Every structure is written in C-alpha cells, then in structure tokens.
Amino acid sequence: MWTAQGQLAIVQGKYYENPMTTKDILLKVAEKLPPDATPADAMYELEFRQAVEQGLESLNEGKVIPIEQVKAKIKEWAEK
C-alpha cells in the first residue's frame, strides 16, 4: 500500500520507495522548497532524502540496531 504522498510502500513488513527518475526526484524537491531557498537548502533536502532511502534499504536487509543499543550510544555521545 502506498502512502498518501505515493512515495513509500510497506509490503510484507518491508519498506520500498516508489521508483522515480533522478529528474523526478529533483523536480519534486524543487517544488517543495520555498521561493527564497538557497542551493544549500536544496542540497540538504537531497542529502536527507538519500539518507532516508539508505536507511530503508538497511532496514529491508535486516541491518538494524536494537533500541537499547541506540539509547546507550546517544547517552555516550551526550556525555562527551
């Protein structure tokens, strides 16, 4: 089932991105930016999108970290 935005699907417990061309992705990101956005804003949005896609891919491959381990890492980073 695709979400309301038509971008993300969850099929049998796995996450899939609706396949889009690079041009489609660039146009979609550009449409979401405010009129006064800078090239740095656009790059941030593209990098964020790529990070989410990589995260979903890792999730599908079973490369996950238990939440307890994540909490411990955050605590460790906060103490530095």
C-alpha atoms as a PDB file:
ATOM      1  CA  MET A   1       0.000   0.000   0.000  1.00  0.00           C
ATOM      2  CA  TRP A   2       1.398   3.412  -0.964  1.00  0.00           C
ATOM      3  CA  THR A   3       1.127   6.288   1.494  1.00  0.00           C
ATOM      4  CA  ALA A   4      -0.968   9.353   0.733  1.00  0.00           C
ATOM      5  CA  GLN A   5       2.040  11.015  -0.877  1.00  0.00           C
ATOM      6  CA  GLY A   6       2.548   7.981  -3.098  1.00  0.00           C
ATOM      7  CA  GLN A   7       6.201   7.624  -2.153  1.00  0.00           C
ATOM      8  CA  LEU A   8       6.571   4.866   0.406  1.00  0.00           C
ATOM      9  CA  ALA A   9       5.176   1.357   0.414  1.00  0.00           C
ATOM     10  CA  ILE A  10       5.185  -1.248   3.132  1.00  0.00           C
ATOM     11  CA  VAL A  11       4.843  -4.681   1.597  1.00  0.00           C
ATOM     12  CA  GLN A  12       5.036  -7.745   3.827  1.00  0.00           C
ATOM     13  CA  GLY A  13       6.884  -5.754   6.500  1.00  0.00           C
ATOM     14  CA  LYS A  14       9.464  -4.302   4.098  1.00  0.00           C
ATOM     15  CA  TYR A  15       9.765  -0.675   3.047  1.00  0.00           C
ATOM     16  CA  TYR A  16      10.004   0.277  -0.603  1.00  0.00           C
ATOM     17  CA  GLU A  17      10.451   3.602  -2.320  1.00  0.00           C
ATOM     18  CA  ASN A  18       8.242   4.273  -5.316  1.00  0.00           C
ATOM     19  CA  PRO A  19      10.768   4.216  -8.177  1.00  0.00           C
ATOM     20  CA  MET A  20      11.356   7.707  -9.551  1.00  0.00           C
ATOM     21  CA  THR A  21      13.873   9.006 -12.046  1.00  0.00           C
ATOM     22  CA  THR A  22      16.583  11.362 -10.851  1.00  0.00           C
ATOM     23  CA  LYS A  23      14.863  14.157 -12.751  1.00  0.00           C
ATOM     24  CA  ASP A  24      11.561  13.381 -10.986  1.00  0.00           C
ATOM     25  CA  ILE A  25      13.288  13.487  -7.611  1.00  0.00           C
ATOM     26  CA  LEU A  26      14.976  16.813  -8.383  1.00  0.00           C
ATOM     27  CA  LEU A  27      11.710  18.343  -9.573  1.00  0.00           C
ATOM     28  CA  LYS A  28       9.822  17.100  -6.520  1.00  0.00           C
ATOM     29  CA  VAL A  29      12.445  18.525  -4.149  1.00  0.00           C
ATOM     30  CA  ALA A  30      12.459  21.829  -6.062  1.00  0.00           C
ATOM     31  CA  GLU A  31       8.663  22.078  -5.832  1.00  0.00           C
ATOM     32  CA  LYS A  32       8.759  21.684  -2.049  1.00  0.00           C
ATOM     33  CA  LEU A  33      11.370  24.398  -1.489  1.00  0.00           C
ATOM     34  CA  PRO A  34      10.268  27.908  -0.585  1.00  0.00           C
ATOM     35  CA  PRO A  35      10.899  30.660  -3.173  1.00  0.00           C
ATOM     36  CA  ASP A  36      13.817  32.053  -1.171  1.00  0.00           C
ATOM     37  CA  ALA A  37      15.601  28.673  -0.829  1.00  0.00           C
ATOM     38  CA  THR A  38      19.308  28.560  -1.472  1.00  0.00           C
ATOM     39  CA  PRO A  39      21.276  25.897  -3.357  1.00  0.00           C
ATOM     40  CA  ALA A  40      22.462  24.723   0.081  1.00  0.00           C
ATOM     41  CA  ASP A  41      18.815  24.195   1.112  1.00  0.00           C
ATOM     42  CA  ALA A  42      18.240  22.079  -1.991  1.00  0.00           C
ATOM     43  CA  MET A  43      21.381  20.019  -1.314  1.00  0.00           C
ATOM     44  CA  TYR A  44      20.289  19.463   2.291  1.00  0.00           C
ATOM     45  CA  GLU A  45      16.904  18.159   1.128  1.00  0.00           C
ATOM     46  CA  LEU A  46      18.521  15.842  -1.422  1.00  0.00           C
ATOM     47  CA  GLU A  47      21.026  14.517   1.124  1.00  0.00           C
ATOM     48  CA  PHE A  48      18.243  13.980   3.661  1.00  0.00           C
ATOM     49  CA  ARG A  49      16.203  12.063   1.104  1.00  0.00           C
ATOM     50  CA  GLN A  50      19.194   9.889   0.217  1.00  0.00           C
ATOM     51  CA  ALA A  51      19.864   9.145   3.900  1.00  0.00           C
ATOM     52  CA  VAL A  52      16.252   8.058   4.396  1.00  0.00           C
ATOM     53  CA  GLU A  53      16.416   5.812   1.331  1.00  0.00           C
ATOM     54  CA  GLN A  54      19.654   4.240   2.587  1.00  0.00           C
ATOM     55  CA  GLY A  55      18.051   3.710   5.990  1.00  0.00           C
ATOM     56  CA  LEU A  56      15.059   1.967   4.444  1.00  0.00           C
ATOM     57  CA  GLU A  57      17.390  -0.201   2.378  1.00  0.00           C
ATOM     58  CA  SER A  58      19.329  -1.193   5.503  1.00  0.00           C
ATOM     59  CA  LEU A  59      16.056  -1.947   7.265  1.00  0.00           C
ATOM     60  CA  ASN A  60      14.989  -4.229   4.418  1.00  0.00           C
ATOM     61  CA  GLU A  61      18.327  -6.031   4.605  1.00  0.00           C
ATOM     62  CA  GLY A  62      17.851  -6.651   8.321  1.00  0.00           C
ATOM     63  CA  LYS A  63      20.690  -4.322   9.280  1.00  0.00           C
ATOM     64  CA  VAL A  64      19.130  -2.938  12.436  1.00  0.00           C
ATOM     65  CA  ILE A  65      20.375  -1.918  15.863  1.00  0.00           C
ATOM     66  CA  PRO A  66      18.293  -2.686  18.962  1.00  0.00           C
ATOM     67  CA  ILE A  67      16.812   0.442  20.571  1.00  0.00           C
ATOM     68  CA  GLU A  68      18.683  -0.241  23.819  1.00  0.00           C
ATOM     69  CA  GLN A  69      21.972  -0.043  21.941  1.00  0.00           C
ATOM     70  CA  VAL A  70      20.908   3.215  20.273  1.00  0.00           C
ATOM     71  CA  LYS A  71      19.933   4.749  23.630  1.00  0.00           C
ATOM     72  CA  ALA A  72      23.296   3.758  25.094  1.00  0.00           C
ATOM     73  CA  LYS A  73      25.126   5.366  22.147  1.00  0.00           C
ATOM     74  CA  ILE A  74      23.127   8.592  22.495  1.00  0.00           C
ATOM     75  CA  LYS A  75      23.893   8.713  26.208  1.00  0.00           C
ATOM     76  CA  GLU A  76      27.587   8.097  25.449  1.00  0.00           C
ATOM     77  CA  TRP A  77      27.649  10.923  22.865  1.00  0.00           C
ATOM     78  CA  ALA A  78      25.833  13.315  25.206  1.00  0.00           C
ATOM     79  CA  GLU A  79      28.414  12.735  27.933  1.00  0.00           C
ATOM     80  CA  LYS A  80      31.328  13.736  25.676  1.00  0.00           C
END
